[in-house]
Amino acid sequence: MSNKPKAVILVSGGLDSATILSMALAQGYDCYAISFDYGQRHRSELEAASRVASRAGVVAHKTINMDLTPIGGSALTDPTIQVPTRPSPGIPVTYVPARNTVFLSLALGWAEVLGAEAIFIGVNAVDYSGYPDCRPEYIEAFQALANLATRTGVEGGAIAVKAPLIDMSKEEIIRAGTRLGVDYGLTVSCYDPDASGGACGRCEACRLRAEGFRDASIPDPTRYR
């Protein structure tokens, strides 16, 4: 049995989550990957998540099945809402209501069962789309909740909620991941890929990803449809 500390890593199959998984491994954690099949439009990311987790050699990888489509309210869960191809003011329609809160809550439950010391999530407050649940204030608030709402917290322990990319630009994230040996060719970032994971090249996720590789002067391995 390993004596390493355990961490639960939210792995979406995208660029950011692949990076935080490598960061957690580099910090000496035994990593347990968790992904979510929530009815998202970009379901090829689940295949990417499996590739990323397998390549990293995680201890275990769970995919939690849930369905957020009855709630809707997002271009990622409601097929009648078109994925935008141009930036717009305010919080974009690709925001999924309460998604990170739901995901972190389930990750917190697994972390408590495992006796894990940390949860890693790849939210970013610099090159992001204005999502309210990607801000430092949100991570701080969820940390307070984790301390209050778990047996671990009540009994004097702690499960740290770590967001190592929170203040990094996409360029900095890509540079950091490249130094750690992340194969970004395994990842899918597009909000509206085809069935095989080919990126649209037009949505905001594609734009931020392409700009990041360009600014980092690192070849972009993205496969476009």
C-alpha atoms as a PDB file:
ATOM      1  CA  MET A   1       0.000   0.000   0.000  1.00  0.00           C
ATOM      2  CA  SER A   2       1.280   3.426  -0.949  1.00  0.00           C
ATOM      3  CA  ASN A   3       2.208   5.918   1.743  1.00  0.00           C
ATOM      4  CA  LYS A   4       1.665   8.849  -0.598  1.00  0.00           C
ATOM      5  CA  PRO A   5      -1.082  11.365   0.154  1.00  0.00           C
ATOM      6  CA  LYS A   6      -4.208  10.937  -1.946  1.00  0.00           C
ATOM      7  CA  ALA A   7      -5.884  13.533  -4.147  1.00  0.00           C
ATOM      8  CA  VAL A   8      -9.070  13.544  -6.198  1.00  0.00           C
ATOM      9  CA  ILE A   9      -8.593  15.253  -9.565  1.00  0.00           C
ATOM     10  CA  LEU A  10     -11.474  16.582 -11.652  1.00  0.00           C
ATOM     11  CA  VAL A  11     -10.580  15.397 -15.156  1.00  0.00           C
ATOM     12  CA  SER A  12     -12.784  16.714 -17.949  1.00  0.00           C
ATOM     13  CA  GLY A  13     -10.577  15.685 -20.848  1.00  0.00           C
ATOM     14  CA  GLY A  14      -9.602  19.270 -21.571  1.00  0.00           C
ATOM     15  CA  LEU A  15      -6.272  21.057 -21.556  1.00  0.00           C
ATOM     16  CA  ASP A  16      -6.570  22.511 -18.059  1.00  0.00           C
ATOM     17  CA  SER A  17      -7.559  19.306 -16.288  1.00  0.00           C
ATOM     18  CA  ALA A  18      -4.745  17.366 -17.978  1.00  0.00           C
ATOM     19  CA  THR A  19      -2.359  19.978 -16.630  1.00  0.00           C
ATOM     20  CA  ILE A  20      -3.584  19.849 -13.032  1.00  0.00           C
ATOM     21  CA  LEU A  21      -3.434  16.054 -13.068  1.00  0.00           C
ATOM     22  CA  SER A  22       0.243  16.235 -14.013  1.00  0.00           C
ATOM     23  CA  MET A  23       0.817  18.898 -11.365  1.00  0.00           C
ATOM     24  CA  ALA A  24      -0.749  16.726  -8.669  1.00  0.00           C
ATOM     25  CA  LEU A  25       1.362  13.745  -9.718  1.00  0.00           C
ATOM     26  CA  ALA A  26       4.487  15.926  -9.657  1.00  0.00           C
ATOM     27  CA  GLN A  27       3.594  16.991  -6.113  1.00  0.00           C
ATOM     28  CA  GLY A  28       3.680  13.376  -5.014  1.00  0.00           C
ATOM     29  CA  TYR A  29      -0.006  12.540  -4.762  1.00  0.00           C
ATOM     30  CA  ASP A  30      -1.626   9.224  -5.541  1.00  0.00           C
ATOM     31  CA  CYS A  31      -4.267  10.519  -7.959  1.00  0.00           C
ATOM     32  CA  TYR A  32      -7.883   9.445  -8.253  1.00  0.00           C
ATOM     33  CA  ALA A  33      -9.542  10.912 -11.346  1.00  0.00           C
ATOM     34  CA  ILE A  34     -13.227  11.788 -11.475  1.00  0.00           C
ATOM     35  CA  SER A  35     -15.159  12.753 -14.614  1.00  0.00           C
ATOM     36  CA  PHE A  36     -18.813  13.551 -15.229  1.00  0.00           C
ATOM     37  CA  ASP A  37     -21.177  12.403 -17.935  1.00  0.00           C
ATOM     38  CA  TYR A  38     -23.803  15.102 -17.440  1.00  0.00           C
ATOM     39  CA  GLY A  39     -25.448  15.181 -20.848  1.00  0.00           C
ATOM     40  CA  GLN A  40     -22.923  17.614 -22.271  1.00  0.00           C
ATOM     41  CA  ARG A  41     -22.855  18.432 -25.955  1.00  0.00           C
ATOM     42  CA  HIS A  42     -19.103  17.820 -26.125  1.00  0.00           C
ATOM     43  CA  ARG A  43     -19.241  14.164 -25.088  1.00  0.00           C
ATOM     44  CA  SER A  44     -16.003  13.322 -26.874  1.00  0.00           C
ATOM     45  CA  GLU A  45     -14.312  14.960 -23.903  1.00  0.00           C
ATOM     46  CA  LEU A  46     -15.201  11.855 -21.870  1.00  0.00           C
ATOM     47  CA  GLU A  47     -13.128   9.713 -24.202  1.00  0.00           C
ATOM     48  CA  ALA A  48     -10.348  12.273 -23.859  1.00  0.00           C
ATOM     49  CA  ALA A  49     -10.644  12.099 -20.065  1.00  0.00           C
ATOM     50  CA  SER A  50     -10.161   8.343 -20.207  1.00  0.00           C
ATOM     51  CA  ARG A  51      -7.098   8.761 -22.411  1.00  0.00           C
ATOM     52  CA  VAL A  52      -5.576  11.390 -20.137  1.00  0.00           C
ATOM     53  CA  ALA A  53      -6.226   9.421 -16.938  1.00  0.00           C
ATOM     54  CA  SER A  54      -4.923   6.181 -18.421  1.00  0.00           C
ATOM     55  CA  ARG A  55      -1.759   7.784 -19.762  1.00  0.00           C
ATOM     56  CA  ALA A  56      -1.101   9.436 -16.388  1.00  0.00           C
ATOM     57  CA  GLY A  57      -1.422   6.144 -14.534  1.00  0.00           C
ATOM     58  CA  VAL A  58      -3.996   7.220 -11.963  1.00  0.00           C
ATOM     59  CA  VAL A  59      -4.929   4.807  -9.175  1.00  0.00           C
ATOM     60  CA  ALA A  60      -8.588   4.861 -10.252  1.00  0.00           C
ATOM     61  CA  HIS A  61     -10.832   6.754 -12.638  1.00  0.00           C
ATOM     62  CA  LYS A  62     -14.555   7.108 -12.022  1.00  0.00           C
ATOM     63  CA  THR A  63     -17.065   8.600 -14.440  1.00  0.00           C
ATOM     64  CA  ILE A  64     -20.193   9.738 -12.627  1.00  0.00           C
ATOM     65  CA  ASN A  65     -23.386   9.596 -14.654  1.00  0.00           C
ATOM     66  CA  MET A  66     -25.924  12.356 -14.137  1.00  0.00           C
ATOM     67  CA  ASP A  67     -28.234  14.298 -16.413  1.00  0.00           C
ATOM     68  CA  LEU A  68     -28.301  18.074 -16.284  1.00  0.00           C
ATOM     69  CA  THR A  69     -30.280  18.381 -19.521  1.00  0.00           C
ATOM     70  CA  PRO A  70     -33.657  18.640 -17.708  1.00  0.00           C
ATOM     71  CA  ILE A  71     -32.309  21.776 -16.004  1.00  0.00           C
ATOM     72  CA  GLY A  72     -30.903  23.167 -19.245  1.00  0.00           C
ATOM     73  CA  GLY A  73     -30.026  26.835 -19.363  1.00  0.00           C
ATOM     74  CA  SER A  74     -26.733  26.284 -21.189  1.00  0.00           C
ATOM     75  CA  ALA A  75     -25.608  25.745 -24.757  1.00  0.00           C
ATOM     76  CA  LEU A  76     -23.668  22.752 -23.452  1.00  0.00           C
ATOM     77  CA  THR A  77     -26.742  20.938 -22.115  1.00  0.00           C
ATOM     78  CA  ASP A  78     -29.578  22.282 -24.273  1.00  0.00           C
ATOM     79  CA  PRO A  79     -29.332  21.443 -27.996  1.00  0.00           C
ATOM     80  CA  THR A  80     -31.745  24.267 -28.841  1.00  0.00           C
ATOM     81  CA  ILE A  81     -29.175  26.857 -27.676  1.00  0.00           C
ATOM     82  CA  GLN A  82     -26.437  27.464 -30.216  1.00  0.00           C
ATOM     83  CA  VAL A  83     -22.798  27.472 -29.144  1.00  0.00           C
ATOM     84  CA  PRO A  84     -21.591  31.033 -29.807  1.00  0.00           C
ATOM     85  CA  THR A  85     -18.678  31.650 -32.135  1.00  0.00           C
ATOM     86  CA  ARG A  86     -18.048  35.237 -31.060  1.00  0.00           C
ATOM     87  CA  PRO A  87     -17.423  36.774 -27.625  1.00  0.00           C
ATOM     88  CA  SER A  88     -20.426  38.479 -26.063  1.00  0.00           C
ATOM     89  CA  PRO A  89     -20.799  40.721 -23.004  1.00  0.00           C
ATOM     90  CA  GLY A  90     -21.793  39.190 -19.701  1.00  0.00           C
ATOM     91  CA  ILE A  91     -21.795  35.541 -18.690  1.00  0.00           C
ATOM     92  CA  PRO A  92     -21.963  33.475 -21.894  1.00  0.00           C
ATOM     93  CA  VAL A  93     -24.569  30.838 -22.702  1.00  0.00           C
ATOM     94  CA  THR A  94     -21.904  28.132 -22.349  1.00  0.00           C
ATOM     95  CA  TYR A  95     -22.058  28.606 -18.566  1.00  0.00           C
ATOM     96  CA  VAL A  96     -23.692  25.518 -17.022  1.00  0.00           C
ATOM     97  CA  PRO A  97     -25.695  26.567 -13.931  1.00  0.00           C
ATOM     98  CA  ALA A  98     -24.056  25.351 -10.695  1.00  0.00           C
ATOM     99  CA  ARG A  99     -21.888  22.817 -12.560  1.00  0.00           C
ATOM    100  CA  ASN A 100     -18.701  23.264 -10.554  1.00  0.00           C
ATOM    101  CA  THR A 101     -20.649  23.191  -7.295  1.00  0.00           C
ATOM    102  CA  VAL A 102     -22.223  19.867  -8.251  1.00  0.00           C
ATOM    103  CA  PHE A 103     -18.913  18.441  -9.449  1.00  0.00           C
ATOM    104  CA  LEU A 104     -16.918  19.591  -6.441  1.00  0.00           C
ATOM    105  CA  SER A 105     -19.553  18.258  -4.055  1.00  0.00           C
ATOM    106  CA  LEU A 106     -19.278  14.776  -5.549  1.00  0.00           C
ATOM    107  CA  ALA A 107     -15.489  14.981  -5.615  1.00  0.00           C
ATOM    108  CA  LEU A 108     -15.599  16.030  -1.955  1.00  0.00           C
ATOM    109  CA  GLY A 109     -17.670  12.978  -1.086  1.00  0.00           C
ATOM    110  CA  TRP A 110     -15.211  10.631  -2.801  1.00  0.00           C
ATOM    111  CA  ALA A 111     -12.253  12.431  -1.216  1.00  0.00           C
ATOM    112  CA  GLU A 112     -13.756  11.868   2.224  1.00  0.00           C
ATOM    113  CA  VAL A 113     -14.345   8.176   1.538  1.00  0.00           C
ATOM    114  CA  LEU A 114     -10.770   7.775   0.267  1.00  0.00           C
ATOM    115  CA  GLY A 115      -9.219   9.742   3.090  1.00  0.00           C
ATOM    116  CA  ALA A 116      -7.762  12.105   0.502  1.00  0.00           C
ATOM    117  CA  GLU A 117      -5.994  15.275   1.517  1.00  0.00           C
ATOM    118  CA  ALA A 118      -6.838  17.361  -1.541  1.00  0.00           C
ATOM    119  CA  ILE A 119      -9.123  17.969  -4.485  1.00  0.00           C
ATOM    120  CA  PHE A 120      -7.669  19.523  -7.640  1.00  0.00           C
ATOM    121  CA  ILE A 121      -9.853  21.499 -10.057  1.00  0.00           C
ATOM    122  CA  GLY A 122      -8.663  23.277 -13.202  1.00  0.00           C
ATOM    123  CA  VAL A 123     -10.639  26.509 -12.950  1.00  0.00           C
ATOM    124  CA  ASN A 124      -8.971  29.642 -14.248  1.00  0.00           C
ATOM    125  CA  ALA A 125      -9.782  33.297 -13.598  1.00  0.00           C
ATOM    126  CA  VAL A 126      -7.511  34.873 -16.240  1.00  0.00           C
ATOM    127  CA  ASP A 127      -8.246  33.336 -19.648  1.00  0.00           C
ATOM    128  CA  TYR A 128     -11.799  32.296 -18.861  1.00  0.00           C
ATOM    129  CA  SER A 129     -15.265  33.081 -20.107  1.00  0.00           C
ATOM    130  CA  GLY A 130     -16.624  35.006 -17.148  1.00  0.00           C
ATOM    131  CA  TYR A 131     -18.043  31.987 -15.332  1.00  0.00           C
ATOM    132  CA  PRO A 132     -18.863  32.858 -11.707  1.00  0.00           C
ATOM    133  CA  ASP A 133     -17.671  29.469 -10.456  1.00  0.00           C
ATOM    134  CA  CYS A 134     -14.143  29.956 -11.821  1.00  0.00           C
ATOM    135  CA  ARG A 135     -13.198  32.818  -9.499  1.00  0.00           C
ATOM    136  CA  PRO A 136     -10.888  32.724  -6.447  1.00  0.00           C
ATOM    137  CA  GLU A 137     -13.802  33.862  -4.271  1.00  0.00           C
ATOM    138  CA  TYR A 138     -15.752  30.806  -5.310  1.00  0.00           C
ATOM    139  CA  ILE A 139     -12.912  28.400  -4.472  1.00  0.00           C
ATOM    140  CA  GLU A 140     -12.502  30.078  -1.079  1.00  0.00           C
ATOM    141  CA  ALA A 141     -16.229  29.745  -0.412  1.00  0.00           C
ATOM    142  CA  PHE A 142     -16.269  26.075  -1.379  1.00  0.00           C
ATOM    143  CA  GLN A 143     -13.265  25.451   0.867  1.00  0.00           C
ATOM    144  CA  ALA A 144     -15.228  26.929   3.761  1.00  0.00           C
ATOM    145  CA  LEU A 145     -18.156  24.670   2.877  1.00  0.00           C
ATOM    146  CA  ALA A 146     -15.867  21.618   2.750  1.00  0.00           C
ATOM    147  CA  ASN A 147     -14.564  22.429   6.220  1.00  0.00           C
ATOM    148  CA  LEU A 148     -18.090  22.763   7.617  1.00  0.00           C
ATOM    149  CA  ALA A 149     -19.994  20.053   5.769  1.00  0.00           C
ATOM    150  CA  THR A 150     -17.791  16.980   6.183  1.00  0.00           C
ATOM    151  CA  ARG A 151     -17.020  14.611   9.025  1.00  0.00           C
ATOM    152  CA  THR A 152     -13.359  15.123   8.161  1.00  0.00           C
ATOM    153  CA  GLY A 153     -13.665  18.850   8.758  1.00  0.00           C
ATOM    154  CA  VAL A 154     -15.746  18.519  11.923  1.00  0.00           C
ATOM    155  CA  GLU A 155     -13.250  16.063  13.407  1.00  0.00           C
ATOM    156  CA  GLY A 156     -10.360  18.457  12.871  1.00  0.00           C
ATOM    157  CA  GLY A 157      -9.065  17.266   9.517  1.00  0.00           C
ATOM    158  CA  ALA A 158      -9.107  19.084   6.222  1.00  0.00           C
ATOM    159  CA  ILE A 159      -9.547  18.388   2.532  1.00  0.00           C
ATOM    160  CA  ALA A 160      -7.805  21.169   0.644  1.00  0.00           C
ATOM    161  CA  VAL A 161      -9.509  22.467  -2.501  1.00  0.00           C
ATOM    162  CA  LYS A 162      -6.654  23.304  -4.860  1.00  0.00           C
ATOM    163  CA  ALA A 163      -6.972  25.397  -8.022  1.00  0.00           C
ATOM    164  CA  PRO A 164      -3.351  25.760  -9.179  1.00  0.00           C
ATOM    165  CA  LEU A 165      -4.284  27.382 -12.500  1.00  0.00           C
ATOM    166  CA  ILE A 166      -6.504  30.080 -11.002  1.00  0.00           C
ATOM    167  CA  ASP A 167      -4.101  32.976 -11.687  1.00  0.00           C
ATOM    168  CA  MET A 168      -2.369  31.620 -14.795  1.00  0.00           C
ATOM    169  CA  SER A 169      -2.846  32.638 -18.407  1.00  0.00           C
ATOM    170  CA  LYS A 170      -3.478  29.945 -20.998  1.00  0.00           C
ATOM    171  CA  GLU A 171       0.059  30.486 -22.268  1.00  0.00           C
ATOM    172  CA  GLU A 172       1.463  29.881 -18.784  1.00  0.00           C
ATOM    173  CA  ILE A 173      -0.695  26.788 -18.326  1.00  0.00           C
ATOM    174  CA  ILE A 174       0.515  25.273 -21.596  1.00  0.00           C
ATOM    175  CA  ARG A 175       4.137  26.047 -20.782  1.00  0.00           C
ATOM    176  CA  ALA A 176       3.795  24.482 -17.324  1.00  0.00           C
ATOM    177  CA  GLY A 177       2.087  21.376 -18.682  1.00  0.00           C
ATOM    178  CA  THR A 178       4.653  20.979 -21.441  1.00  0.00           C
ATOM    179  CA  ARG A 179       7.458  21.053 -18.871  1.00  0.00           C
ATOM    180  CA  LEU A 180       5.634  18.247 -17.036  1.00  0.00           C
ATOM    181  CA  GLY A 181       5.302  16.199 -20.204  1.00  0.00           C
ATOM    182  CA  VAL A 182       1.560  16.623 -20.793  1.00  0.00           C
ATOM    183  CA  ASP A 183       0.473  15.299 -24.188  1.00  0.00           C
ATOM    184  CA  TYR A 184      -2.089  17.901 -25.197  1.00  0.00           C
ATOM    185  CA  GLY A 185      -2.859  15.894 -28.316  1.00  0.00           C
ATOM    186  CA  LEU A 186      -4.906  13.601 -26.035  1.00  0.00           C
ATOM    187  CA  THR A 187      -7.182  16.430 -24.907  1.00  0.00           C
ATOM    188  CA  VAL A 188     -10.389  17.968 -26.245  1.00  0.00           C
ATOM    189  CA  SER A 189     -11.290  21.571 -25.334  1.00  0.00           C
ATOM    190  CA  CYS A 190     -13.914  22.420 -27.967  1.00  0.00           C
ATOM    191  CA  TYR A 191     -17.487  23.207 -26.886  1.00  0.00           C
ATOM    192  CA  ASP A 192     -18.897  21.796 -30.129  1.00  0.00           C
ATOM    193  CA  PRO A 193     -16.647  19.034 -31.487  1.00  0.00           C
ATOM    194  CA  ASP A 194     -17.721  16.385 -33.950  1.00  0.00           C
ATOM    195  CA  ALA A 195     -18.320  12.788 -32.862  1.00  0.00           C
ATOM    196  CA  SER A 196     -14.646  11.898 -33.160  1.00  0.00           C
ATOM    197  CA  GLY A 197     -13.494  14.906 -31.129  1.00  0.00           C
ATOM    198  CA  GLY A 198     -12.526  17.144 -34.037  1.00  0.00           C
ATOM    199  CA  ALA A 199     -12.560  20.747 -32.826  1.00  0.00           C
ATOM    200  CA  CYS A 200     -14.778  23.377 -34.448  1.00  0.00           C
ATOM    201  CA  GLY A 201     -12.054  26.039 -34.301  1.00  0.00           C
ATOM    202  CA  ARG A 202     -14.668  28.763 -33.769  1.00  0.00           C
ATOM    203  CA  CYS A 203     -15.982  28.606 -30.203  1.00  0.00           C
ATOM    204  CA  GLU A 204     -14.394  30.525 -27.347  1.00  0.00           C
ATOM    205  CA  ALA A 205     -12.735  27.406 -25.915  1.00  0.00           C
ATOM    206  CA  CYS A 206     -11.046  26.780 -29.275  1.00  0.00           C
ATOM    207  CA  ARG A 207      -9.999  30.411 -29.555  1.00  0.00           C
ATOM    208  CA  LEU A 208      -8.440  30.530 -26.078  1.00  0.00           C
ATOM    209  CA  ARG A 209      -6.666  27.237 -26.664  1.00  0.00           C
ATOM    210  CA  ALA A 210      -5.234  28.315 -30.028  1.00  0.00           C
ATOM    211  CA  GLU A 211      -4.107  31.662 -28.629  1.00  0.00           C
ATOM    212  CA  GLY A 212      -2.414  29.899 -25.730  1.00  0.00           C
ATOM    213  CA  PHE A 213      -0.336  27.641 -27.955  1.00  0.00           C
ATOM    214  CA  ARG A 214       0.523  30.544 -30.234  1.00  0.00           C
ATOM    215  CA  ASP A 215       1.595  32.773 -27.344  1.00  0.00           C
ATOM    216  CA  ALA A 216       3.635  29.934 -25.823  1.00  0.00           C
ATOM    217  CA  SER A 217       5.335  29.298 -29.209  1.00  0.00           C
ATOM    218  CA  ILE A 218       4.469  25.615 -28.845  1.00  0.00           C
ATOM    219  CA  PRO A 219       2.989  23.648 -31.763  1.00  0.00           C
ATOM    220  CA  ASP A 220      -0.756  23.214 -31.392  1.00  0.00           C
ATOM    221  CA  PRO A 221      -1.667  19.490 -31.547  1.00  0.00           C
ATOM    222  CA  THR A 222      -5.407  20.197 -31.793  1.00  0.00           C
ATOM    223  CA  ARG A 223      -7.187  18.135 -34.435  1.00  0.00           C
ATOM    224  CA  TYR A 224      -9.720  20.323 -36.203  1.00  0.00           C
ATOM    225  CA  ARG A 225     -12.649  18.924 -38.140  1.00  0.00           C
END
